[in-house]
Amino acid sequence: MNKNDLAILMIIRSWLVAVCLIFSGLVQANEFSRCVTDMSGRQVCLKTSHPNIISLSPGSTELLFAAGAGGQMIAVDEHSDYPSVVEQLPSIGGFPVINVEAIVGMKPDLVVVWVGGDSPKVVKQLESLGVNTFHLNAVDFSGIEQAILSLGKILGTEKQAEQSVSTFRARLSSLEKTFSQLEPVTVFYEVWRSPLMTVGDGILINDVISLCGGNNVYGDQDQKIPKIGIESLIIRNPQAIIGSAPQGDTPETRREMKRFWGQWENLQAVRTGQLFSVPSDLISRTSPRILDGAEILCRQLQEVRSRQPAAVNNKKAN
């Protein structure tokens, strides 16, 4: 074999090796699969390590960012506004009017939906069209942690998700140690005025009240959002009334609370002026920022305690 033949063989060999490597890479890419059980017990799989994601609710959006997947999002619902960078993303409408056609046209690898929050009809329609969905259903503090970890697992951002959960648990533990064993303050949480609605058991706001050492006067109700009568509230006679407003607790919101609740001066919360508001987004979204809302509510209940006899500020003996 002469030198020319040897050179040709070497070139062919190099070419074959390159082809094999390229083919192997393509096969590996095509074989990529990551499967996780979502919060509805469904197995959801991704076929790409760099998925394009759409979120259908503000809570889902915040959980995706907490899980470290914010950079993979290509669109959000029109109510998502945190973190502020999401305002630069395309909108696919908002509950209850979601643009299904726009979602399908974007060809997302995953659409994150909120069970019980997003329209079941829209979710069913998306799934019938072959859109890959991931269900979230966080209803308490542990559910927030589970949602972040499961998103991190399906999206390959486990490290960031675990770090977020660790931070969340530390903050939650600190609030619990500081406030949960203080003398209870009876609380009425206002959800709606006409008809008058509040929170019962099995909803995160009730857990926040307990975390702060409060006692929800309707925490014995099985309904998550029960309608109540003013006569019933007068009988339960809470020490504090707390509502929510976009701007939170300001002189304006306190005046508005006083204007409305001043009709019932026989309520001790009204007589003593213990009327407060919490920023709506911080108390209504099931995401790590719920602890920002909890800190505000805890301080408000501490203000109520500070206006009570000195003994009220002592921790319970047990």
C-alpha atoms as a PDB file:
ATOM      1  CA  MET A   1       0.000   0.000   0.000  1.00  0.00           C
ATOM      2  CA  ASN A   2       1.465   3.309  -1.081  1.00  0.00           C
ATOM      3  CA  LYS A   3       1.315   6.571   0.799  1.00  0.00           C
ATOM      4  CA  ASN A   4      -1.621   7.887  -1.253  1.00  0.00           C
ATOM      5  CA  ASP A   5      -3.741   4.815  -0.487  1.00  0.00           C
ATOM      6  CA  LEU A   6      -2.896   5.124   3.219  1.00  0.00           C
ATOM      7  CA  ALA A   7      -3.853   8.792   3.234  1.00  0.00           C
ATOM      8  CA  ILE A   8      -7.193   8.003   1.577  1.00  0.00           C
ATOM      9  CA  LEU A   9      -7.917   5.285   4.123  1.00  0.00           C
ATOM     10  CA  MET A  10      -7.139   7.678   6.997  1.00  0.00           C
ATOM     11  CA  ILE A  11      -9.523  10.280   5.560  1.00  0.00           C
ATOM     12  CA  ILE A  12     -12.293   7.688   5.146  1.00  0.00           C
ATOM     13  CA  ARG A  13     -11.726   6.448   8.679  1.00  0.00           C
ATOM     14  CA  SER A  14     -11.911   9.970  10.124  1.00  0.00           C
ATOM     15  CA  TRP A  15     -15.072  10.632   8.146  1.00  0.00           C
ATOM     16  CA  LEU A  16     -16.706   7.446   9.398  1.00  0.00           C
ATOM     17  CA  VAL A  17     -15.808   8.286  13.003  1.00  0.00           C
ATOM     18  CA  ALA A  18     -17.302  11.763  12.623  1.00  0.00           C
ATOM     19  CA  VAL A  19     -20.492  10.358  11.101  1.00  0.00           C
ATOM     20  CA  CYS A  20     -20.810   7.849  13.933  1.00  0.00           C
ATOM     21  CA  LEU A  21     -20.346  10.543  16.562  1.00  0.00           C
ATOM     22  CA  ILE A  22     -22.944  12.791  14.936  1.00  0.00           C
ATOM     23  CA  PHE A  23     -25.405   9.921  14.585  1.00  0.00           C
ATOM     24  CA  SER A  24     -24.821   8.884  18.195  1.00  0.00           C
ATOM     25  CA  GLY A  25     -25.502  12.425  19.367  1.00  0.00           C
ATOM     26  CA  LEU A  26     -28.708  12.585  17.360  1.00  0.00           C
ATOM     27  CA  VAL A  27     -29.884   9.283  18.772  1.00  0.00           C
ATOM     28  CA  GLN A  28     -29.131  10.440  22.323  1.00  0.00           C
ATOM     29  CA  ALA A  29     -30.958  13.715  21.717  1.00  0.00           C
ATOM     30  CA  ASN A  30     -33.960  11.859  20.290  1.00  0.00           C
ATOM     31  CA  GLU A  31     -33.952   9.457  23.210  1.00  0.00           C
ATOM     32  CA  PHE A  32     -33.989  12.203  25.880  1.00  0.00           C
ATOM     33  CA  SER A  33     -36.889  11.816  28.255  1.00  0.00           C
ATOM     34  CA  ARG A  34     -37.607  13.119  31.735  1.00  0.00           C
ATOM     35  CA  CYS A  35     -40.806  12.007  33.485  1.00  0.00           C
ATOM     36  CA  VAL A  36     -42.315  13.261  36.761  1.00  0.00           C
ATOM     37  CA  THR A  37     -45.637  12.747  38.536  1.00  0.00           C
ATOM     38  CA  ASP A  38     -47.502  16.051  38.775  1.00  0.00           C
ATOM     39  CA  MET A  39     -49.786  17.158  41.630  1.00  0.00           C
ATOM     40  CA  SER A  40     -52.810  15.449  40.065  1.00  0.00           C
ATOM     41  CA  GLY A  41     -50.963  12.120  40.086  1.00  0.00           C
ATOM     42  CA  ARG A  42     -50.395  12.172  36.320  1.00  0.00           C
ATOM     43  CA  GLN A  43     -47.077  11.118  34.793  1.00  0.00           C
ATOM     44  CA  VAL A  44     -45.793  13.978  32.656  1.00  0.00           C
ATOM     45  CA  CYS A  45     -42.798  13.595  30.350  1.00  0.00           C
ATOM     46  CA  LEU A  46     -40.539  16.018  28.499  1.00  0.00           C
ATOM     47  CA  LYS A  47     -38.613  15.024  25.388  1.00  0.00           C
ATOM     48  CA  THR A  48     -36.218  17.957  25.469  1.00  0.00           C
ATOM     49  CA  SER A  49     -33.742  19.235  28.033  1.00  0.00           C
ATOM     50  CA  HIS A  50     -34.494  22.860  27.063  1.00  0.00           C
ATOM     51  CA  PRO A  51     -38.297  23.077  27.117  1.00  0.00           C
ATOM     52  CA  ASN A  52     -40.399  26.094  26.191  1.00  0.00           C
ATOM     53  CA  ILE A  53     -42.923  26.741  28.968  1.00  0.00           C
ATOM     54  CA  ILE A  54     -46.182  28.667  29.256  1.00  0.00           C
ATOM     55  CA  SER A  55     -47.809  29.529  32.591  1.00  0.00           C
ATOM     56  CA  LEU A  56     -51.571  30.031  32.900  1.00  0.00           C
ATOM     57  CA  SER A  57     -51.681  31.722  36.331  1.00  0.00           C
ATOM     58  CA  PRO A  58     -49.684  34.186  38.476  1.00  0.00           C
ATOM     59  CA  GLY A  59     -49.077  31.563  41.171  1.00  0.00           C
ATOM     60  CA  SER A  60     -47.710  29.087  38.630  1.00  0.00           C
ATOM     61  CA  THR A  61     -45.450  31.783  37.193  1.00  0.00           C
ATOM     62  CA  GLU A  62     -43.973  32.607  40.593  1.00  0.00           C
ATOM     63  CA  LEU A  63     -43.445  28.918  41.375  1.00  0.00           C
ATOM     64  CA  LEU A  64     -41.652  28.401  38.046  1.00  0.00           C
ATOM     65  CA  PHE A  65     -39.249  31.223  38.849  1.00  0.00           C
ATOM     66  CA  ALA A  66     -38.740  29.845  42.361  1.00  0.00           C
ATOM     67  CA  ALA A  67     -37.857  26.506  40.754  1.00  0.00           C
ATOM     68  CA  GLY A  68     -35.226  28.198  38.600  1.00  0.00           C
ATOM     69  CA  ALA A  69     -37.114  27.835  35.318  1.00  0.00           C
ATOM     70  CA  GLY A  70     -37.986  31.464  34.615  1.00  0.00           C
ATOM     71  CA  GLY A  71     -35.593  31.629  31.668  1.00  0.00           C
ATOM     72  CA  GLN A  72     -37.465  28.828  29.908  1.00  0.00           C
ATOM     73  CA  MET A  73     -40.807  30.628  29.836  1.00  0.00           C
ATOM     74  CA  ILE A  74     -42.103  31.897  26.492  1.00  0.00           C
ATOM     75  CA  ALA A  75     -45.509  33.283  27.545  1.00  0.00           C
ATOM     76  CA  VAL A  76     -47.680  33.929  30.619  1.00  0.00           C
ATOM     77  CA  ASP A  77     -51.246  34.851  31.491  1.00  0.00           C
ATOM     78  CA  GLU A  78     -52.088  38.546  31.597  1.00  0.00           C
ATOM     79  CA  HIS A  79     -52.305  38.619  35.411  1.00  0.00           C
ATOM     80  CA  SER A  80     -48.728  37.429  35.973  1.00  0.00           C
ATOM     81  CA  ASP A  81     -46.654  40.415  37.090  1.00  0.00           C
ATOM     82  CA  TYR A  82     -43.920  38.997  39.334  1.00  0.00           C
ATOM     83  CA  PRO A  83     -41.033  39.040  38.914  1.00  0.00           C
ATOM     84  CA  SER A  84     -41.288  42.146  36.742  1.00  0.00           C
ATOM     85  CA  VAL A  85     -39.384  40.506  33.862  1.00  0.00           C
ATOM     86  CA  VAL A  86     -42.515  38.482  33.002  1.00  0.00           C
ATOM     87  CA  GLU A  87     -44.211  41.668  31.834  1.00  0.00           C
ATOM     88  CA  GLN A  88     -41.933  41.504  28.793  1.00  0.00           C
ATOM     89  CA  LEU A  89     -43.285  38.079  27.780  1.00  0.00           C
ATOM     90  CA  PRO A  90     -46.218  37.567  25.382  1.00  0.00           C
ATOM     91  CA  SER A  91     -49.628  37.232  27.038  1.00  0.00           C
ATOM     92  CA  ILE A  92     -52.038  34.405  26.267  1.00  0.00           C
ATOM     93  CA  GLY A  93     -55.001  36.083  27.991  1.00  0.00           C
ATOM     94  CA  GLY A  94     -56.185  35.553  31.524  1.00  0.00           C
ATOM     95  CA  PHE A  95     -58.757  33.644  33.527  1.00  0.00           C
ATOM     96  CA  PRO A  96     -61.429  32.984  32.432  1.00  0.00           C
ATOM     97  CA  VAL A  97     -60.578  33.973  28.837  1.00  0.00           C
ATOM     98  CA  ILE A  98     -57.453  32.083  27.722  1.00  0.00           C
ATOM     99  CA  ASN A  99     -56.343  32.194  24.075  1.00  0.00           C
ATOM    100  CA  VAL A 100     -56.073  28.472  23.357  1.00  0.00           C
ATOM    101  CA  GLU A 101     -55.263  29.051  19.690  1.00  0.00           C
ATOM    102  CA  ALA A 102     -52.303  31.266  20.602  1.00  0.00           C
ATOM    103  CA  ILE A 103     -50.975  28.661  23.033  1.00  0.00           C
ATOM    104  CA  VAL A 104     -51.164  25.877  20.453  1.00  0.00           C
ATOM    105  CA  GLY A 105     -49.503  28.114  17.865  1.00  0.00           C
ATOM    106  CA  MET A 106     -46.516  28.706  20.162  1.00  0.00           C
ATOM    107  CA  LYS A 107     -45.895  24.929  20.310  1.00  0.00           C
ATOM    108  CA  PRO A 108     -44.860  24.832  23.979  1.00  0.00           C
ATOM    109  CA  ASP A 109     -43.190  21.767  25.411  1.00  0.00           C
ATOM    110  CA  LEU A 110     -45.073  22.268  28.670  1.00  0.00           C
ATOM    111  CA  VAL A 111     -48.018  24.348  29.908  1.00  0.00           C
ATOM    112  CA  VAL A 112     -48.198  24.711  33.695  1.00  0.00           C
ATOM    113  CA  VAL A 113     -51.775  24.900  34.974  1.00  0.00           C
ATOM    114  CA  TRP A 114     -53.350  25.453  38.390  1.00  0.00           C
ATOM    115  CA  VAL A 115     -55.916  22.818  39.384  1.00  0.00           C
ATOM    116  CA  GLY A 116     -59.030  24.510  40.728  1.00  0.00           C
ATOM    117  CA  GLY A 117     -57.786  27.916  39.665  1.00  0.00           C
ATOM    118  CA  ASP A 118     -57.433  27.780  35.904  1.00  0.00           C
ATOM    119  CA  SER A 119     -60.561  26.982  33.907  1.00  0.00           C
ATOM    120  CA  PRO A 120     -61.046  23.182  33.809  1.00  0.00           C
ATOM    121  CA  LYS A 121     -62.668  23.631  30.393  1.00  0.00           C
ATOM    122  CA  VAL A 122     -59.572  25.378  29.009  1.00  0.00           C
ATOM    123  CA  VAL A 123     -57.226  22.776  30.506  1.00  0.00           C
ATOM    124  CA  LYS A 124     -59.300  19.934  29.061  1.00  0.00           C
ATOM    125  CA  GLN A 125     -59.344  21.642  25.665  1.00  0.00           C
ATOM    126  CA  LEU A 126     -55.575  22.078  25.644  1.00  0.00           C
ATOM    127  CA  GLU A 127     -55.016  18.452  26.589  1.00  0.00           C
ATOM    128  CA  SER A 128     -57.464  17.248  23.921  1.00  0.00           C
ATOM    129  CA  LEU A 129     -55.353  19.140  21.382  1.00  0.00           C
ATOM    130  CA  GLY A 130     -52.232  17.266  22.483  1.00  0.00           C
ATOM    131  CA  VAL A 131     -50.716  20.069  24.579  1.00  0.00           C
ATOM    132  CA  ASN A 132     -48.460  18.713  27.320  1.00  0.00           C
ATOM    133  CA  THR A 133     -49.671  20.059  30.689  1.00  0.00           C
ATOM    134  CA  PHE A 134     -48.294  19.930  34.226  1.00  0.00           C
ATOM    135  CA  HIS A 135     -50.831  20.245  37.059  1.00  0.00           C
ATOM    136  CA  LEU A 136     -50.085  22.200  40.245  1.00  0.00           C
ATOM    137  CA  ASN A 137     -52.369  22.060  43.277  1.00  0.00           C
ATOM    138  CA  ALA A 138     -50.615  23.612  46.270  1.00  0.00           C
ATOM    139  CA  VAL A 139     -53.100  24.309  49.082  1.00  0.00           C
ATOM    140  CA  ASP A 140     -50.746  24.654  52.055  1.00  0.00           C
ATOM    141  CA  PHE A 141     -47.126  25.411  52.933  1.00  0.00           C
ATOM    142  CA  SER A 142     -45.935  21.865  52.215  1.00  0.00           C
ATOM    143  CA  GLY A 143     -47.745  22.005  48.878  1.00  0.00           C
ATOM    144  CA  ILE A 144     -45.702  25.052  47.890  1.00  0.00           C
ATOM    145  CA  GLU A 145     -42.533  23.107  48.628  1.00  0.00           C
ATOM    146  CA  GLN A 146     -43.780  20.076  46.685  1.00  0.00           C
ATOM    147  CA  ALA A 147     -44.728  22.233  43.694  1.00  0.00           C
ATOM    148  CA  ILE A 148     -41.287  23.859  43.514  1.00  0.00           C
ATOM    149  CA  LEU A 149     -39.452  20.546  43.837  1.00  0.00           C
ATOM    150  CA  SER A 150     -41.599  18.783  41.240  1.00  0.00           C
ATOM    151  CA  LEU A 151     -41.130  21.638  38.771  1.00  0.00           C
ATOM    152  CA  GLY A 152     -37.390  21.551  39.379  1.00  0.00           C
ATOM    153  CA  LYS A 153     -37.344  17.828  38.707  1.00  0.00           C
ATOM    154  CA  ILE A 154     -39.316  17.910  35.450  1.00  0.00           C
ATOM    155  CA  LEU A 155     -37.410  20.960  34.160  1.00  0.00           C
ATOM    156  CA  GLY A 156     -33.915  19.894  35.219  1.00  0.00           C
ATOM    157  CA  THR A 157     -33.412  22.731  37.720  1.00  0.00           C
ATOM    158  CA  GLU A 158     -33.318  20.617  40.866  1.00  0.00           C
ATOM    159  CA  LYS A 159     -30.479  22.543  42.496  1.00  0.00           C
ATOM    160  CA  GLN A 160     -32.208  25.926  42.244  1.00  0.00           C
ATOM    161  CA  ALA A 161     -35.511  24.396  43.347  1.00  0.00           C
ATOM    162  CA  GLU A 162     -33.959  22.774  46.414  1.00  0.00           C
ATOM    163  CA  GLN A 163     -32.268  26.053  47.358  1.00  0.00           C
ATOM    164  CA  SER A 164     -35.583  27.925  47.088  1.00  0.00           C
ATOM    165  CA  VAL A 165     -37.329  25.339  49.246  1.00  0.00           C
ATOM    166  CA  SER A 166     -34.553  25.498  51.840  1.00  0.00           C
ATOM    167  CA  THR A 167     -34.916  29.285  52.063  1.00  0.00           C
ATOM    168  CA  PHE A 168     -38.696  28.980  52.272  1.00  0.00           C
ATOM    169  CA  ARG A 169     -38.525  26.425  55.083  1.00  0.00           C
ATOM    170  CA  ALA A 170     -36.104  28.575  57.086  1.00  0.00           C
ATOM    171  CA  ARG A 171     -38.355  31.642  56.817  1.00  0.00           C
ATOM    172  CA  LEU A 172     -41.430  29.605  57.706  1.00  0.00           C
ATOM    173  CA  SER A 173     -39.694  28.102  60.750  1.00  0.00           C
ATOM    174  CA  SER A 174     -38.577  31.538  61.934  1.00  0.00           C
ATOM    175  CA  LEU A 175     -42.105  32.958  61.718  1.00  0.00           C
ATOM    176  CA  GLU A 176     -43.527  29.922  63.476  1.00  0.00           C
ATOM    177  CA  LYS A 177     -41.062  30.192  66.355  1.00  0.00           C
ATOM    178  CA  THR A 178     -41.644  33.930  66.724  1.00  0.00           C
ATOM    179  CA  PHE A 179     -45.427  34.163  66.510  1.00  0.00           C
ATOM    180  CA  SER A 180     -47.339  30.876  66.558  1.00  0.00           C
ATOM    181  CA  GLN A 181     -47.229  30.415  70.361  1.00  0.00           C
ATOM    182  CA  LEU A 182     -48.153  33.966  71.310  1.00  0.00           C
ATOM    183  CA  GLU A 183     -51.505  34.656  72.919  1.00  0.00           C
ATOM    184  CA  PRO A 184     -54.140  34.001  70.216  1.00  0.00           C
ATOM    185  CA  VAL A 185     -55.888  36.906  68.533  1.00  0.00           C
ATOM    186  CA  THR A 186     -59.322  36.177  67.087  1.00  0.00           C
ATOM    187  CA  VAL A 187     -59.456  37.188  63.432  1.00  0.00           C
ATOM    188  CA  PHE A 188     -62.084  37.689  60.763  1.00  0.00           C
ATOM    189  CA  TYR A 189     -60.606  37.644  57.259  1.00  0.00           C
ATOM    190  CA  GLU A 190     -62.706  39.501  54.706  1.00  0.00           C
ATOM    191  CA  VAL A 191     -62.756  37.942  51.237  1.00  0.00           C
ATOM    192  CA  TRP A 192     -65.825  39.671  49.828  1.00  0.00           C
ATOM    193  CA  ARG A 193     -68.444  42.127  51.083  1.00  0.00           C
ATOM    194  CA  SER A 194     -71.555  41.476  49.035  1.00  0.00           C
ATOM    195  CA  PRO A 195     -72.288  38.781  49.948  1.00  0.00           C
ATOM    196  CA  LEU A 196     -70.027  38.715  52.994  1.00  0.00           C
ATOM    197  CA  MET A 197     -67.479  35.943  52.534  1.00  0.00           C
ATOM    198  CA  THR A 198     -64.486  34.730  54.531  1.00  0.00           C
ATOM    199  CA  VAL A 199     -62.025  31.823  54.727  1.00  0.00           C
ATOM    200  CA  GLY A 200     -62.695  28.491  56.375  1.00  0.00           C
ATOM    201  CA  ASP A 201     -60.534  25.426  56.915  1.00  0.00           C
ATOM    202  CA  GLY A 202     -58.363  23.909  54.165  1.00  0.00           C
ATOM    203  CA  ILE A 203     -57.172  27.166  52.635  1.00  0.00           C
ATOM    204  CA  LEU A 204     -53.716  28.722  52.922  1.00  0.00           C
ATOM    205  CA  ILE A 205     -54.879  32.037  54.399  1.00  0.00           C
ATOM    206  CA  ASN A 206     -56.262  30.118  57.360  1.00  0.00           C
ATOM    207  CA  ASP A 207     -52.826  28.540  57.826  1.00  0.00           C
ATOM    208  CA  VAL A 208     -51.194  31.978  57.669  1.00  0.00           C
ATOM    209  CA  ILE A 209     -53.494  33.249  60.425  1.00  0.00           C
ATOM    210  CA  SER A 210     -52.555  30.257  62.610  1.00  0.00           C
ATOM    211  CA  LEU A 211     -48.856  30.754  61.822  1.00  0.00           C
ATOM    212  CA  CYS A 212     -49.128  34.276  63.225  1.00  0.00           C
ATOM    213  CA  GLY A 213     -50.771  33.106  66.428  1.00  0.00           C
ATOM    214  CA  GLY A 214     -54.211  34.074  65.222  1.00  0.00           C
ATOM    215  CA  ASN A 215     -57.483  32.195  65.580  1.00  0.00           C
ATOM    216  CA  ASN A 216     -59.704  32.398  62.492  1.00  0.00           C
ATOM    217  CA  VAL A 217     -63.232  32.777  63.872  1.00  0.00           C
ATOM    218  CA  TYR A 218     -64.529  30.748  60.918  1.00  0.00           C
ATOM    219  CA  GLY A 219     -61.696  28.195  60.906  1.00  0.00           C
ATOM    220  CA  ASP A 220     -64.216  25.564  61.973  1.00  0.00           C
ATOM    221  CA  GLN A 221     -66.006  25.783  58.631  1.00  0.00           C
ATOM    222  CA  ASP A 222     -65.450  22.975  56.122  1.00  0.00           C
ATOM    223  CA  GLN A 223     -66.133  25.291  53.199  1.00  0.00           C
ATOM    224  CA  LYS A 224     -63.000  27.031  52.000  1.00  0.00           C
ATOM    225  CA  ILE A 225     -64.822  30.285  51.207  1.00  0.00           C
ATOM    226  CA  PRO A 226     -68.062  30.305  53.225  1.00  0.00           C
ATOM    227  CA  LYS A 227     -70.744  32.951  52.941  1.00  0.00           C
ATOM    228  CA  ILE A 228     -71.679  34.321  56.348  1.00  0.00           C
ATOM    229  CA  GLY A 229     -74.210  36.697  57.863  1.00  0.00           C
ATOM    230  CA  ILE A 230     -73.318  39.791  59.853  1.00  0.00           C
ATOM    231  CA  GLU A 231     -75.316  38.426  62.798  1.00  0.00           C
ATOM    232  CA  SER A 232     -73.049  35.380  62.882  1.00  0.00           C
ATOM    233  CA  LEU A 233     -69.964  37.612  62.821  1.00  0.00           C
ATOM    234  CA  ILE A 234     -71.289  39.754  65.663  1.00  0.00           C
ATOM    235  CA  ILE A 235     -71.717  36.631  67.777  1.00  0.00           C
ATOM    236  CA  ARG A 236     -68.130  35.511  67.049  1.00  0.00           C
ATOM    237  CA  ASN A 237     -66.936  39.079  67.698  1.00  0.00           C
ATOM    238  CA  PRO A 238     -63.293  39.012  66.432  1.00  0.00           C
ATOM    239  CA  GLN A 239     -60.532  41.152  67.901  1.00  0.00           C
ATOM    240  CA  ALA A 240     -59.239  42.038  64.420  1.00  0.00           C
ATOM    241  CA  ILE A 241     -60.688  42.298  60.934  1.00  0.00           C
ATOM    242  CA  ILE A 242     -58.260  41.851  58.050  1.00  0.00           C
ATOM    243  CA  GLY A 243     -58.921  42.342  54.364  1.00  0.00           C
ATOM    244  CA  SER A 244     -56.765  42.626  51.277  1.00  0.00           C
ATOM    245  CA  ALA A 245     -56.076  45.461  48.846  1.00  0.00           C
ATOM    246  CA  PRO A 246     -53.607  45.851  45.968  1.00  0.00           C
ATOM    247  CA  GLN A 247     -51.705  48.576  47.839  1.00  0.00           C
ATOM    248  CA  GLY A 248     -51.834  46.852  51.219  1.00  0.00           C
ATOM    249  CA  ASP A 249     -52.320  48.621  54.554  1.00  0.00           C
ATOM    250  CA  THR A 250     -52.313  52.369  53.926  1.00  0.00           C
ATOM    251  CA  PRO A 251     -54.146  55.338  55.473  1.00  0.00           C
ATOM    252  CA  GLU A 252     -56.545  55.168  52.527  1.00  0.00           C
ATOM    253  CA  THR A 253     -57.335  51.475  52.961  1.00  0.00           C
ATOM    254  CA  ARG A 254     -57.785  51.934  56.719  1.00  0.00           C
ATOM    255  CA  ARG A 255     -60.244  54.765  56.096  1.00  0.00           C
ATOM    256  CA  GLU A 256     -62.137  52.558  53.660  1.00  0.00           C
ATOM    257  CA  MET A 257     -62.201  49.683  56.150  1.00  0.00           C
ATOM    258  CA  LYS A 258     -63.475  52.064  58.844  1.00  0.00           C
ATOM    259  CA  ARG A 259     -66.115  53.509  56.492  1.00  0.00           C
ATOM    260  CA  PHE A 260     -67.548  50.074  55.728  1.00  0.00           C
ATOM    261  CA  TRP A 261     -67.144  48.318  59.072  1.00  0.00           C
ATOM    262  CA  GLY A 262     -68.133  51.381  61.080  1.00  0.00           C
ATOM    263  CA  GLN A 263     -71.743  50.322  60.530  1.00  0.00           C
ATOM    264  CA  TRP A 264     -71.252  47.688  63.234  1.00  0.00           C
ATOM    265  CA  GLU A 265     -69.645  49.415  66.223  1.00  0.00           C
ATOM    266  CA  ASN A 266     -70.730  46.557  68.473  1.00  0.00           C
ATOM    267  CA  LEU A 267     -67.891  44.525  66.912  1.00  0.00           C
ATOM    268  CA  GLN A 268     -64.854  44.843  69.184  1.00  0.00           C
ATOM    269  CA  ALA A 269     -62.483  45.058  66.207  1.00  0.00           C
ATOM    270  CA  VAL A 270     -64.405  48.133  65.037  1.00  0.00           C
ATOM    271  CA  ARG A 271     -64.605  49.735  68.500  1.00  0.00           C
ATOM    272  CA  THR A 272     -60.859  49.362  69.026  1.00  0.00           C
ATOM    273  CA  GLY A 273     -59.873  50.258  65.443  1.00  0.00           C
ATOM    274  CA  GLN A 274     -58.203  46.918  64.693  1.00  0.00           C
ATOM    275  CA  LEU A 275     -58.915  47.017  60.945  1.00  0.00           C
ATOM    276  CA  PHE A 276     -56.096  46.062  58.592  1.00  0.00           C
ATOM    277  CA  SER A 277     -55.312  45.183  54.973  1.00  0.00           C
ATOM    278  CA  VAL A 278     -52.650  42.934  53.448  1.00  0.00           C
ATOM    279  CA  PRO A 279     -51.368  43.343  49.846  1.00  0.00           C
ATOM    280  CA  SER A 280     -53.603  41.136  47.703  1.00  0.00           C
ATOM    281  CA  ASP A 281     -50.818  39.473  45.716  1.00  0.00           C
ATOM    282  CA  LEU A 282     -48.895  38.540  48.857  1.00  0.00           C
ATOM    283  CA  ILE A 283     -51.781  36.837  50.603  1.00  0.00           C
ATOM    284  CA  SER A 284     -53.693  35.259  47.710  1.00  0.00           C
ATOM    285  CA  ARG A 285     -50.961  33.655  45.599  1.00  0.00           C
ATOM    286  CA  THR A 286     -49.766  30.230  46.672  1.00  0.00           C
ATOM    287  CA  SER A 287     -46.056  30.867  46.172  1.00  0.00           C
ATOM    288  CA  PRO A 288     -43.024  31.622  48.369  1.00  0.00           C
ATOM    289  CA  ARG A 289     -44.161  35.251  48.581  1.00  0.00           C
ATOM    290  CA  ILE A 290     -47.009  34.126  50.837  1.00  0.00           C
ATOM    291  CA  LEU A 291     -44.455  34.496  53.633  1.00  0.00           C
ATOM    292  CA  ASP A 292     -44.078  38.193  52.772  1.00  0.00           C
ATOM    293  CA  GLY A 293     -47.816  38.504  53.344  1.00  0.00           C
ATOM    294  CA  ALA A 294     -47.536  36.399  56.498  1.00  0.00           C
ATOM    295  CA  GLU A 295     -44.897  38.722  57.961  1.00  0.00           C
ATOM    296  CA  ILE A 296     -47.214  41.693  57.443  1.00  0.00           C
ATOM    297  CA  LEU A 297     -50.190  39.893  58.971  1.00  0.00           C
ATOM    298  CA  CYS A 298     -48.086  38.704  61.917  1.00  0.00           C
ATOM    299  CA  ARG A 299     -47.016  42.282  62.660  1.00  0.00           C
ATOM    300  CA  GLN A 300     -50.633  43.424  62.478  1.00  0.00           C
ATOM    301  CA  LEU A 301     -51.725  40.804  65.015  1.00  0.00           C
ATOM    302  CA  GLN A 302     -48.826  41.829  67.217  1.00  0.00           C
ATOM    303  CA  GLU A 303     -50.166  45.397  67.067  1.00  0.00           C
ATOM    304  CA  VAL A 304     -53.495  44.069  68.336  1.00  0.00           C
ATOM    305  CA  ARG A 305     -51.736  42.304  71.215  1.00  0.00           C
ATOM    306  CA  SER A 306     -49.797  45.452  72.109  1.00  0.00           C
ATOM    307  CA  ARG A 307     -53.079  47.253  72.760  1.00  0.00           C
ATOM    308  CA  GLN A 308     -54.332  44.528  75.083  1.00  0.00           C
ATOM    309  CA  PRO A 309     -53.515  44.134  78.814  1.00  0.00           C
ATOM    310  CA  ALA A 310     -49.860  43.269  79.441  1.00  0.00           C
ATOM    311  CA  ALA A 311     -50.637  39.647  80.222  1.00  0.00           C
ATOM    312  CA  VAL A 312     -51.854  39.094  76.677  1.00  0.00           C
ATOM    313  CA  ASN A 313     -48.350  39.608  75.340  1.00  0.00           C
ATOM    314  CA  ASN A 314     -46.904  36.730  77.308  1.00  0.00           C
ATOM    315  CA  LYS A 315     -46.500  33.351  75.689  1.00  0.00           C
ATOM    316  CA  LYS A 316     -48.872  30.623  76.703  1.00  0.00           C
ATOM    317  CA  ALA A 317     -47.569  28.572  79.589  1.00  0.00           C
ATOM    318  CA  ASN A 318     -47.852  25.347  77.591  1.00  0.00           C
END
